């Protein structure tokens, strides 16, 4: 059996490398798994993407990410880009993303 390596990635916060100040803003891969988990008194999406190099990456959803990925089926190649933070109507900040999906 081969060990499956899974990296947890927080777009806009996870550093490119331990020595870098630059953060990961884009992830591309095949949407391998969709689910949800309890997190801080809420239920949020949990997504696994398999990158082209074979590494499995786990993303913890957010309001915007969950909305974007809600109708995307597993097995589809996607590109998710962190745009920045935007204000909500309630005065809070929310992470904003851009989603590109391979045509099927």
PDB file of N, CA and C in Angstrom:
ATOM      1  N   UNK A   1       0.835  -1.182   0.000  1.00  0.00           N
ATOM      2  CA  UNK A   1       0.000   0.000   0.000  1.00  0.00           C
ATOM      3  C   UNK A   1       0.879   1.245   0.000  1.00  0.00           C
ATOM      4  N   UNK A   2       0.333   2.288  -0.609  1.00  0.00           N
ATOM      5  CA  UNK A   2       1.047   3.550  -0.674  1.00  0.00           C
ATOM      6  C   UNK A   2       0.396   4.547   0.276  1.00  0.00           C
ATOM      7  N   UNK A   3       1.211   5.262   1.036  1.00  0.00           N
ATOM      8  CA  UNK A   3       0.690   6.270   1.951  1.00  0.00           C
ATOM      9  C   UNK A   3       0.185   7.466   1.161  1.00  0.00           C
ATOM     10  N   UNK A   4      -0.990   7.960   1.524  1.00  0.00           N
ATOM     11  CA  UNK A   4      -1.554   9.136   0.878  1.00  0.00           C
ATOM     12  C   UNK A   4      -1.191  10.341   1.724  1.00  0.00           C
ATOM     13  N   UNK A   5      -0.468  11.279   1.125  1.00  0.00           N
ATOM     14  CA  UNK A   5      -0.092  12.492   1.837  1.00  0.00           C
ATOM     15  C   UNK A   5      -1.197  13.523   1.673  1.00  0.00           C
ATOM     16  N   UNK A   6      -1.657  14.071   2.771  1.00  0.00           N
ATOM     17  CA  UNK A   6      -2.688  15.103   2.743  1.00  0.00           C
ATOM     18  C   UNK A   6      -2.154  16.344   3.439  1.00  0.00           C
ATOM     19  N   UNK A   7      -2.166  17.455   2.732  1.00  0.00           N
ATOM     20  CA  UNK A   7      -1.766  18.739   3.293  1.00  0.00           C
ATOM     21  C   UNK A   7      -3.020  19.561   3.561  1.00  0.00           C
ATOM     22  N   UNK A   8      -3.057  20.235   4.716  1.00  0.00           N
ATOM     23  CA  UNK A   8      -4.153  21.155   4.994  1.00  0.00           C
ATOM     24  C   UNK A   8      -3.737  22.514   4.455  1.00  0.00           C
ATOM     25  N   UNK A   9      -4.613  23.156   3.723  1.00  0.00           N
ATOM     26  CA  UNK A   9      -4.294  24.422   3.094  1.00  0.00           C
ATOM     27  C   UNK A   9      -5.375  25.447   3.419  1.00  0.00           C
ATOM     28  N   UNK A  10      -4.946  26.625   3.837  1.00  0.00           N
ATOM     29  CA  UNK A  10      -5.863  27.730   4.089  1.00  0.00           C
ATOM     30  C   UNK A  10      -5.482  28.839   3.110  1.00  0.00           C
ATOM     31  N   UNK A  11      -6.215  28.922   1.989  1.00  0.00           N
ATOM     32  CA  UNK A  11      -5.884  29.911   0.962  1.00  0.00           C
ATOM     33  C   UNK A  11      -5.867  31.312   1.549  1.00  0.00           C
ATOM     34  N   UNK A  12      -4.829  32.042   1.219  1.00  0.00           N
ATOM     35  CA  UNK A  12      -4.684  33.403   1.726  1.00  0.00           C
ATOM     36  C   UNK A  12      -3.984  33.475   3.062  1.00  0.00           C
ATOM     37  N   UNK A  13      -3.717  32.309   3.691  1.00  0.00           N
ATOM     38  CA  UNK A  13      -3.043  32.300   4.989  1.00  0.00           C
ATOM     39  C   UNK A  13      -1.855  31.335   5.049  1.00  0.00           C
ATOM     40  N   UNK A  14      -1.963  30.166   4.407  1.00  0.00           N
ATOM     41  CA  UNK A  14      -0.868  29.198   4.436  1.00  0.00           C
ATOM     42  C   UNK A  14       0.305  29.737   3.632  1.00  0.00           C
ATOM     43  N   UNK A  15       1.495  29.696   4.218  1.00  0.00           N
ATOM     44  CA  UNK A  15       2.684  30.210   3.546  1.00  0.00           C
ATOM     45  C   UNK A  15       3.159  29.247   2.466  1.00  0.00           C
ATOM     46  N   UNK A  16       3.736  29.812   1.397  1.00  0.00           N
ATOM     47  CA  UNK A  16       4.258  29.027   0.283  1.00  0.00           C
ATOM     48  C   UNK A  16       5.329  28.066   0.779  1.00  0.00           C
ATOM     49  N   UNK A  17       6.167  28.539   1.682  1.00  0.00           N
ATOM     50  CA  UNK A  17       7.188  27.706   2.317  1.00  0.00           C
ATOM     51  C   UNK A  17       7.433  28.277   3.715  1.00  0.00           C
ATOM     52  N   UNK A  18       8.013  27.492   4.603  1.00  0.00           N
ATOM     53  CA  UNK A  18       8.233  27.987   5.976  1.00  0.00           C
ATOM     54  C   UNK A  18       9.075  29.261   6.054  1.00  0.00           C
ATOM     55  N   UNK A  19       9.960  29.457   5.077  1.00  0.00           N
ATOM     56  CA  UNK A  19      10.859  30.616   5.101  1.00  0.00           C
ATOM     57  C   UNK A  19      10.281  31.834   4.384  1.00  0.00           C
ATOM     58  N   UNK A  20       9.103  31.698   3.802  1.00  0.00           N
ATOM     59  CA  UNK A  20       8.542  32.742   2.959  1.00  0.00           C
ATOM     60  C   UNK A  20       7.453  33.522   3.686  1.00  0.00           C
ATOM     61  N   UNK A  21       7.295  34.767   3.311  1.00  0.00           N
ATOM     62  CA  UNK A  21       6.174  35.568   3.793  1.00  0.00           C
ATOM     63  C   UNK A  21       5.006  35.487   2.806  1.00  0.00           C
ATOM     64  N   UNK A  22       5.279  34.989   1.592  1.00  0.00           N
ATOM     65  CA  UNK A  22       4.250  34.864   0.561  1.00  0.00           C
ATOM     66  C   UNK A  22       3.273  33.742   0.923  1.00  0.00           C
ATOM     67  N   UNK A  23       1.985  33.993   0.689  1.00  0.00           N
ATOM     68  CA  UNK A  23       0.966  32.995   1.012  1.00  0.00           C
ATOM     69  C   UNK A  23       0.409  32.369  -0.269  1.00  0.00           C
ATOM     70  N   UNK A  24      -0.127  31.165  -0.115  1.00  0.00           N
ATOM     71  CA  UNK A  24      -0.745  30.458  -1.229  1.00  0.00           C
ATOM     72  C   UNK A  24      -2.085  31.119  -1.534  1.00  0.00           C
ATOM     73  N   UNK A  25      -2.276  31.545  -2.773  1.00  0.00           N
ATOM     74  CA  UNK A  25      -3.522  32.203  -3.152  1.00  0.00           C
ATOM     75  C   UNK A  25      -4.310  31.406  -4.182  1.00  0.00           C
ATOM     76  N   UNK A  26      -3.682  30.407  -4.812  1.00  0.00           N
ATOM     77  CA  UNK A  26      -4.340  29.631  -5.858  1.00  0.00           C
ATOM     78  C   UNK A  26      -4.074  28.153  -5.637  1.00  0.00           C
ATOM     79  N   UNK A  27      -5.114  27.346  -5.818  1.00  0.00           N
ATOM     80  CA  UNK A  27      -4.962  25.896  -5.774  1.00  0.00           C
ATOM     81  C   UNK A  27      -5.708  25.319  -6.970  1.00  0.00           C
ATOM     82  N   UNK A  28      -5.090  24.356  -7.626  1.00  0.00           N
ATOM     83  CA  UNK A  28      -5.712  23.669  -8.751  1.00  0.00           C
ATOM     84  C   UNK A  28      -5.665  22.180  -8.493  1.00  0.00           C
ATOM     85  N   UNK A  29      -6.707  21.497  -8.885  1.00  0.00           N
ATOM     86  CA  UNK A  29      -6.721  20.051  -8.752  1.00  0.00           C
ATOM     87  C   UNK A  29      -8.104  19.491  -9.009  1.00  0.00           C
ATOM     88  N   UNK A  30      -8.183  18.181  -8.948  1.00  0.00           N
ATOM     89  CA  UNK A  30      -9.447  17.491  -9.126  1.00  0.00           C
ATOM     90  C   UNK A  30     -10.169  17.423  -7.789  1.00  0.00           C
ATOM     91  N   UNK A  31     -11.407  17.868  -7.774  1.00  0.00           N
ATOM     92  CA  UNK A  31     -12.212  17.819  -6.556  1.00  0.00           C
ATOM     93  C   UNK A  31     -12.506  16.348  -6.249  1.00  0.00           C
ATOM     94  N   UNK A  32     -11.797  15.806  -5.278  1.00  0.00           N
ATOM     95  CA  UNK A  32     -11.868  14.380  -4.987  1.00  0.00           C
ATOM     96  C   UNK A  32     -12.929  14.022  -3.961  1.00  0.00           C
ATOM     97  N   UNK A  33     -13.207  14.947  -3.051  1.00  0.00           N
ATOM     98  CA  UNK A  33     -14.148  14.644  -1.977  1.00  0.00           C
ATOM     99  C   UNK A  33     -14.792  15.924  -1.467  1.00  0.00           C
ATOM    100  N   UNK A  34     -16.074  15.823  -1.132  1.00  0.00           N
ATOM    101  CA  UNK A  34     -16.816  16.934  -0.531  1.00  0.00           C
ATOM    102  C   UNK A  34     -17.511  16.405   0.707  1.00  0.00           C
ATOM    103  N   UNK A  35     -17.509  17.211   1.749  1.00  0.00           N
ATOM    104  CA  UNK A  35     -18.191  16.825   2.975  1.00  0.00           C
ATOM    105  C   UNK A  35     -18.370  18.048   3.840  1.00  0.00           C
ATOM    106  N   UNK A  36     -18.706  17.822   5.092  1.00  0.00           N
ATOM    107  CA  UNK A  36     -18.831  18.927   6.031  1.00  0.00           C
ATOM    108  C   UNK A  36     -18.419  18.444   7.413  1.00  0.00           C
ATOM    109  N   UNK A  37     -17.999  19.388   8.236  1.00  0.00           N
ATOM    110  CA  UNK A  37     -17.577  19.077   9.594  1.00  0.00           C
ATOM    111  C   UNK A  37     -18.030  20.200  10.529  1.00  0.00           C
ATOM    112  N   UNK A  38     -18.227  19.880  11.812  1.00  0.00           N
ATOM    113  CA  UNK A  38     -18.519  20.945  12.773  1.00  0.00           C
ATOM    114  C   UNK A  38     -17.252  21.749  13.048  1.00  0.00           C
ATOM    115  N   UNK A  39     -17.372  23.069  13.075  1.00  0.00           N
ATOM    116  CA  UNK A  39     -16.224  23.938  13.318  1.00  0.00           C
ATOM    117  C   UNK A  39     -16.714  25.213  13.979  1.00  0.00           C
ATOM    118  N   UNK A  40     -16.253  25.471  15.191  1.00  0.00           N
ATOM    119  CA  UNK A  40     -16.585  26.687  15.936  1.00  0.00           C
ATOM    120  C   UNK A  40     -18.091  26.973  15.926  1.00  0.00           C
ATOM    121  N   UNK A  41     -18.872  26.017  16.402  1.00  0.00           N
ATOM    122  CA  UNK A  41     -20.329  26.141  16.522  1.00  0.00           C
ATOM    123  C   UNK A  41     -21.061  26.283  15.190  1.00  0.00           C
ATOM    124  N   UNK A  42     -20.422  25.922  14.085  1.00  0.00           N
ATOM    125  CA  UNK A  42     -21.044  25.948  12.757  1.00  0.00           C
ATOM    126  C   UNK A  42     -20.748  24.636  12.048  1.00  0.00           C
ATOM    127  N   UNK A  43     -21.400  24.424  10.956  1.00  0.00           N
ATOM    128  CA  UNK A  43     -21.065  23.321  10.058  1.00  0.00           C
ATOM    129  C   UNK A  43     -20.460  23.956   8.814  1.00  0.00           C
ATOM    130  N   UNK A  44     -19.244  23.542   8.467  1.00  0.00           N
ATOM    131  CA  UNK A  44     -18.568  24.111   7.299  1.00  0.00           C
ATOM    132  C   UNK A  44     -18.169  22.991   6.348  1.00  0.00           C
ATOM    133  N   UNK A  45     -17.977  23.372   5.102  1.00  0.00           N
ATOM    134  CA  UNK A  45     -17.554  22.413   4.099  1.00  0.00           C
ATOM    135  C   UNK A  45     -16.111  21.976   4.315  1.00  0.00           C
ATOM    136  N   UNK A  46     -15.847  20.748   3.897  1.00  0.00           N
ATOM    137  CA  UNK A  46     -14.476  20.234   3.895  1.00  0.00           C
ATOM    138  C   UNK A  46     -14.283  19.603   2.524  1.00  0.00           C
ATOM    139  N   UNK A  47     -13.236  20.025   1.836  1.00  0.00           N
ATOM    140  CA  UNK A  47     -13.015  19.621   0.455  1.00  0.00           C
ATOM    141  C   UNK A  47     -11.617  19.053   0.304  1.00  0.00           C
ATOM    142  N   UNK A  48     -11.512  17.986  -0.486  1.00  0.00           N
ATOM    143  CA  UNK A  48     -10.203  17.414  -0.796  1.00  0.00           C
ATOM    144  C   UNK A  48      -9.978  17.532  -2.293  1.00  0.00           C
ATOM    145  N   UNK A  49      -8.830  18.103  -2.633  1.00  0.00           N
ATOM    146  CA  UNK A  49      -8.423  18.236  -4.026  1.00  0.00           C
ATOM    147  C   UNK A  49      -7.158  17.421  -4.242  1.00  0.00           C
ATOM    148  N   UNK A  50      -7.111  16.718  -5.361  1.00  0.00           N
ATOM    149  CA  UNK A  50      -5.884  16.018  -5.715  1.00  0.00           C
ATOM    150  C   UNK A  50      -5.170  16.857  -6.757  1.00  0.00           C
ATOM    151  N   UNK A  51      -3.991  17.361  -6.381  1.00  0.00           N
ATOM    152  CA  UNK A  51      -3.208  18.184  -7.288  1.00  0.00           C
ATOM    153  C   UNK A  51      -2.594  17.298  -8.368  1.00  0.00           C
ATOM    154  N   UNK A  52      -2.097  17.934  -9.408  1.00  0.00           N
ATOM    155  CA  UNK A  52      -1.524  17.181 -10.528  1.00  0.00           C
ATOM    156  C   UNK A  52      -0.306  16.366 -10.119  1.00  0.00           C
ATOM    157  N   UNK A  53       0.387  16.780  -9.048  1.00  0.00           N
ATOM    158  CA  UNK A  53       1.547  16.016  -8.584  1.00  0.00           C
ATOM    159  C   UNK A  53       1.147  14.843  -7.693  1.00  0.00           C
ATOM    160  N   UNK A  54      -0.179  14.647  -7.503  1.00  0.00           N
ATOM    161  CA  UNK A  54      -0.677  13.529  -6.726  1.00  0.00           C
ATOM    162  C   UNK A  54      -0.936  13.835  -5.264  1.00  0.00           C
ATOM    163  N   UNK A  55      -0.464  14.974  -4.783  1.00  0.00           N
ATOM    164  CA  UNK A  55      -0.659  15.345  -3.379  1.00  0.00           C
ATOM    165  C   UNK A  55      -2.124  15.707  -3.161  1.00  0.00           C
ATOM    166  N   UNK A  56      -2.699  15.161  -2.114  1.00  0.00           N
ATOM    167  CA  UNK A  56      -4.072  15.471  -1.734  1.00  0.00           C
ATOM    168  C   UNK A  56      -4.037  16.662  -0.782  1.00  0.00           C
ATOM    169  N   UNK A  57      -4.875  17.657  -1.048  1.00  0.00           N
ATOM    170  CA  UNK A  57      -4.934  18.865  -0.243  1.00  0.00           C
ATOM    171  C   UNK A  57      -6.336  18.981   0.345  1.00  0.00           C
ATOM    172  N   UNK A  58      -6.418  19.282   1.635  1.00  0.00           N
ATOM    173  CA  UNK A  58      -7.695  19.463   2.307  1.00  0.00           C
ATOM    174  C   UNK A  58      -7.932  20.945   2.556  1.00  0.00           C
ATOM    175  N   UNK A  59      -9.109  21.411   2.152  1.00  0.00           N
ATOM    176  CA  UNK A  59      -9.507  22.805   2.367  1.00  0.00           C
ATOM    177  C   UNK A  59     -10.703  22.837   3.305  1.00  0.00           C
ATOM    178  N   UNK A  60     -10.654  23.718   4.276  1.00  0.00           N
ATOM    179  CA  UNK A  60     -11.792  23.950   5.155  1.00  0.00           C
ATOM    180  C   UNK A  60     -12.615  25.064   4.529  1.00  0.00           C
ATOM    181  N   UNK A  61     -13.895  24.835   4.357  1.00  0.00           N
ATOM    182  CA  UNK A  61     -14.745  25.786   3.660  1.00  0.00           C
ATOM    183  C   UNK A  61     -14.995  27.061   4.440  1.00  0.00           C
ATOM    184  N   UNK A  62     -15.595  28.002   3.761  1.00  0.00           N
ATOM    185  CA  UNK A  62     -16.063  29.263   4.328  1.00  0.00           C
ATOM    186  C   UNK A  62     -17.383  29.559   3.636  1.00  0.00           C
ATOM    187  N   UNK A  63     -18.051  30.597   4.032  1.00  0.00           N
ATOM    188  CA  UNK A  63     -19.344  30.918   3.433  1.00  0.00           C
ATOM    189  C   UNK A  63     -19.237  30.992   1.915  1.00  0.00           C
ATOM    190  N   UNK A  64     -18.302  31.770   1.410  1.00  0.00           N
ATOM    191  CA  UNK A  64     -18.170  31.966  -0.034  1.00  0.00           C
ATOM    192  C   UNK A  64     -17.707  30.681  -0.720  1.00  0.00           C
ATOM    193  N   UNK A  65     -16.701  30.011  -0.162  1.00  0.00           N
ATOM    194  CA  UNK A  65     -16.193  28.786  -0.773  1.00  0.00           C
ATOM    195  C   UNK A  65     -17.283  27.719  -0.828  1.00  0.00           C
ATOM    196  N   UNK A  66     -18.028  27.580   0.257  1.00  0.00           N
ATOM    197  CA  UNK A  66     -19.117  26.597   0.287  1.00  0.00           C
ATOM    198  C   UNK A  66     -20.159  26.910  -0.784  1.00  0.00           C
ATOM    199  N   UNK A  67     -20.505  28.180  -0.943  1.00  0.00           N
ATOM    200  CA  UNK A  67     -21.470  28.570  -1.974  1.00  0.00           C
ATOM    201  C   UNK A  67     -20.951  28.243  -3.375  1.00  0.00           C
ATOM    202  N   UNK A  68     -19.677  28.529  -3.635  1.00  0.00           N
ATOM    203  CA  UNK A  68     -19.100  28.277  -4.953  1.00  0.00           C
ATOM    204  C   UNK A  68     -19.029  26.788  -5.290  1.00  0.00           C
ATOM    205  N   UNK A  69     -18.690  25.974  -4.303  1.00  0.00           N
ATOM    206  CA  UNK A  69     -18.472  24.547  -4.566  1.00  0.00           C
ATOM    207  C   UNK A  69     -19.719  23.683  -4.371  1.00  0.00           C
ATOM    208  N   UNK A  70     -20.808  24.296  -3.932  1.00  0.00           N
ATOM    209  CA  UNK A  70     -22.026  23.542  -3.630  1.00  0.00           C
ATOM    210  C   UNK A  70     -22.499  22.665  -4.787  1.00  0.00           C
ATOM    211  N   UNK A  71     -22.499  23.187  -5.996  1.00  0.00           N
ATOM    212  CA  UNK A  71     -23.044  22.441  -7.133  1.00  0.00           C
ATOM    213  C   UNK A  71     -21.980  21.750  -7.992  1.00  0.00           C
ATOM    214  N   UNK A  72     -20.720  21.854  -7.591  1.00  0.00           N
ATOM    215  CA  UNK A  72     -19.643  21.247  -8.375  1.00  0.00           C
ATOM    216  C   UNK A  72     -19.509  19.780  -7.977  1.00  0.00           C
ATOM    217  N   UNK A  73     -19.619  18.855  -8.934  1.00  0.00           N
ATOM    218  CA  UNK A  73     -19.503  17.437  -8.591  1.00  0.00           C
ATOM    219  C   UNK A  73     -18.047  17.028  -8.383  1.00  0.00           C
ATOM    220  N   UNK A  74     -17.844  15.972  -7.632  1.00  0.00           N
ATOM    221  CA  UNK A  74     -16.492  15.438  -7.483  1.00  0.00           C
ATOM    222  C   UNK A  74     -16.032  14.907  -8.836  1.00  0.00           C
ATOM    223  N   UNK A  75     -14.715  14.845  -9.001  1.00  0.00           N
ATOM    224  CA  UNK A  75     -14.136  14.354 -10.247  1.00  0.00           C
ATOM    225  C   UNK A  75     -13.849  15.444 -11.262  1.00  0.00           C
ATOM    226  N   UNK A  76     -14.227  16.686 -10.945  1.00  0.00           N
ATOM    227  CA  UNK A  76     -14.038  17.810 -11.853  1.00  0.00           C
ATOM    228  C   UNK A  76     -12.766  18.565 -11.465  1.00  0.00           C
ATOM    229  N   UNK A  77     -11.995  18.988 -12.471  1.00  0.00           N
ATOM    230  CA  UNK A  77     -10.787  19.775 -12.235  1.00  0.00           C
ATOM    231  C   UNK A  77     -11.196  21.222 -11.993  1.00  0.00           C
ATOM    232  N   UNK A  78     -10.720  21.802 -10.874  1.00  0.00           N
ATOM    233  CA  UNK A  78     -11.078  23.182 -10.527  1.00  0.00           C
ATOM    234  C   UNK A  78      -9.831  24.009 -10.237  1.00  0.00           C
ATOM    235  N   UNK A  79     -10.017  25.308 -10.293  1.00  0.00           N
ATOM    236  CA  UNK A  79      -8.991  26.280  -9.884  1.00  0.00           C
ATOM    237  C   UNK A  79      -9.690  27.238  -8.936  1.00  0.00           C
ATOM    238  N   UNK A  80      -9.197  27.303  -7.709  1.00  0.00           N
ATOM    239  CA  UNK A  80      -9.779  28.167  -6.692  1.00  0.00           C
ATOM    240  C   UNK A  80      -8.744  29.219  -6.319  1.00  0.00           C
ATOM    241  N   UNK A  81      -9.136  30.481  -6.435  1.00  0.00           N
ATOM    242  CA  UNK A  81      -8.209  31.590  -6.184  1.00  0.00           C
ATOM    243  C   UNK A  81      -8.738  32.475  -5.067  1.00  0.00           C
ATOM    244  N   UNK A  82      -7.883  32.743  -4.076  1.00  0.00           N
ATOM    245  CA  UNK A  82      -8.218  33.663  -2.990  1.00  0.00           C
ATOM    246  C   UNK A  82      -8.057  35.084  -3.514  1.00  0.00           C
ATOM    247  N   UNK A  83      -9.130  35.881  -3.428  1.00  0.00           N
ATOM    248  CA  UNK A  83      -9.118  37.258  -3.924  1.00  0.00           C
ATOM    249  C   UNK A  83      -8.754  38.243  -2.818  1.00  0.00           C
ATOM    250  N   UNK A  84      -9.260  38.004  -1.619  1.00  0.00           N
ATOM    251  CA  UNK A  84      -9.041  38.907  -0.501  1.00  0.00           C
ATOM    252  C   UNK A  84     -10.253  38.873   0.409  1.00  0.00           C
ATOM    253  N   UNK A  85     -10.343  39.844   1.282  1.00  0.00           N
ATOM    254  CA  UNK A  85     -11.486  39.925   2.187  1.00  0.00           C
ATOM    255  C   UNK A  85     -12.437  41.014   1.719  1.00  0.00           C
ATOM    256  N   UNK A  86     -13.728  40.727   1.888  1.00  0.00           N
ATOM    257  CA  UNK A  86     -14.756  41.704   1.552  1.00  0.00           C
ATOM    258  C   UNK A  86     -15.660  41.888   2.771  1.00  0.00           C
ATOM    259  N   UNK A  87     -16.258  43.067   2.913  1.00  0.00           N
ATOM    260  CA  UNK A  87     -17.155  43.290   4.060  1.00  0.00           C
ATOM    261  C   UNK A  87     -18.512  42.631   3.832  1.00  0.00           C
ATOM    262  N   UNK A  88     -19.105  42.143   4.907  1.00  0.00           N
ATOM    263  CA  UNK A  88     -20.461  41.601   4.840  1.00  0.00           C
ATOM    264  C   UNK A  88     -21.442  42.712   5.204  1.00  0.00           C
ATOM    265  N   UNK A  89     -22.714  42.461   4.984  1.00  0.00           N
ATOM    266  CA  UNK A  89     -23.736  43.445   5.342  1.00  0.00           C
ATOM    267  C   UNK A  89     -23.767  43.705   6.841  1.00  0.00           C
ATOM    268  N   UNK A  90     -23.350  42.707   7.626  1.00  0.00           N
ATOM    269  CA  UNK A  90     -23.343  42.848   9.073  1.00  0.00           C
ATOM    270  C   UNK A  90     -22.093  43.520   9.628  1.00  0.00           C
ATOM    271  N   UNK A  91     -21.181  43.931   8.731  1.00  0.00           N
ATOM    272  CA  UNK A  91     -19.987  44.631   9.176  1.00  0.00           C
ATOM    273  C   UNK A  91     -18.790  43.736   9.466  1.00  0.00           C
ATOM    274  N   UNK A  92     -18.922  42.447   9.186  1.00  0.00           N
ATOM    275  CA  UNK A  92     -17.808  41.527   9.377  1.00  0.00           C
ATOM    276  C   UNK A  92     -17.012  41.410   8.083  1.00  0.00           C
ATOM    277  N   UNK A  93     -15.909  40.664   8.119  1.00  0.00           N
ATOM    278  CA  UNK A  93     -15.118  40.412   6.918  1.00  0.00           C
ATOM    279  C   UNK A  93     -15.313  38.962   6.500  1.00  0.00           C
ATOM    280  N   UNK A  94     -15.332  38.744   5.187  1.00  0.00           N
ATOM    281  CA  UNK A  94     -15.510  37.421   4.633  1.00  0.00           C
ATOM    282  C   UNK A  94     -14.474  37.203   3.530  1.00  0.00           C
ATOM    283  N   UNK A  95     -13.906  36.003   3.485  1.00  0.00           N
ATOM    284  CA  UNK A  95     -12.951  35.690   2.422  1.00  0.00           C
ATOM    285  C   UNK A  95     -13.685  35.572   1.092  1.00  0.00           C
ATOM    286  N   UNK A  96     -13.080  36.135   0.046  1.00  0.00           N
ATOM    287  CA  UNK A  96     -13.664  36.090  -1.291  1.00  0.00           C
ATOM    288  C   UNK A  96     -12.781  35.217  -2.192  1.00  0.00           C
ATOM    289  N   UNK A  97     -13.431  34.434  -3.036  1.00  0.00           N
ATOM    290  CA  UNK A  97     -12.730  33.510  -3.927  1.00  0.00           C
ATOM    291  C   UNK A  97     -13.272  33.611  -5.332  1.00  0.00           C
ATOM    292  N   UNK A  98     -12.443  33.210  -6.284  1.00  0.00           N
ATOM    293  CA  UNK A  98     -12.857  33.070  -7.670  1.00  0.00           C
ATOM    294  C   UNK A  98     -12.697  31.602  -8.030  1.00  0.00           C
ATOM    295  N   UNK A  99     -13.711  31.014  -8.653  1.00  0.00           N
ATOM    296  CA  UNK A  99     -13.689  29.595  -9.006  1.00  0.00           C
ATOM    297  C   UNK A  99     -13.737  29.443 -10.511  1.00  0.00           C
ATOM    298  N   UNK A 100     -12.824  28.643 -11.043  1.00  0.00           N
ATOM    299  CA  UNK A 100     -12.852  28.255 -12.447  1.00  0.00           C
ATOM    300  C   UNK A 100     -13.008  26.745 -12.492  1.00  0.00           C
ATOM    301  N   UNK A 101     -13.856  26.260 -13.391  1.00  0.00           N
ATOM    302  CA  UNK A 101     -14.167  24.834 -13.462  1.00  0.00           C
ATOM    303  C   UNK A 101     -13.925  24.338 -14.876  1.00  0.00           C
ATOM    304  N   UNK A 102     -13.282  23.190 -14.983  1.00  0.00           N
ATOM    305  CA  UNK A 102     -13.067  22.564 -16.277  1.00  0.00           C
ATOM    306  C   UNK A 102     -14.406  22.140 -16.861  1.00  0.00           C
ATOM    307  N   UNK A 103     -14.628  22.435 -18.124  1.00  0.00           N
ATOM    308  CA  UNK A 103     -15.882  22.043 -18.762  1.00  0.00           C
ATOM    309  C   UNK A 103     -15.957  20.528 -18.861  1.00  0.00           C
ATOM    310  N   UNK A 104     -17.130  19.979 -18.538  1.00  0.00           N
ATOM    311  CA  UNK A 104     -17.328  18.533 -18.625  1.00  0.00           C
ATOM    312  C   UNK A 104     -18.359  18.190 -19.669  1.00  0.00           C
TER     313      UNK A 104
END
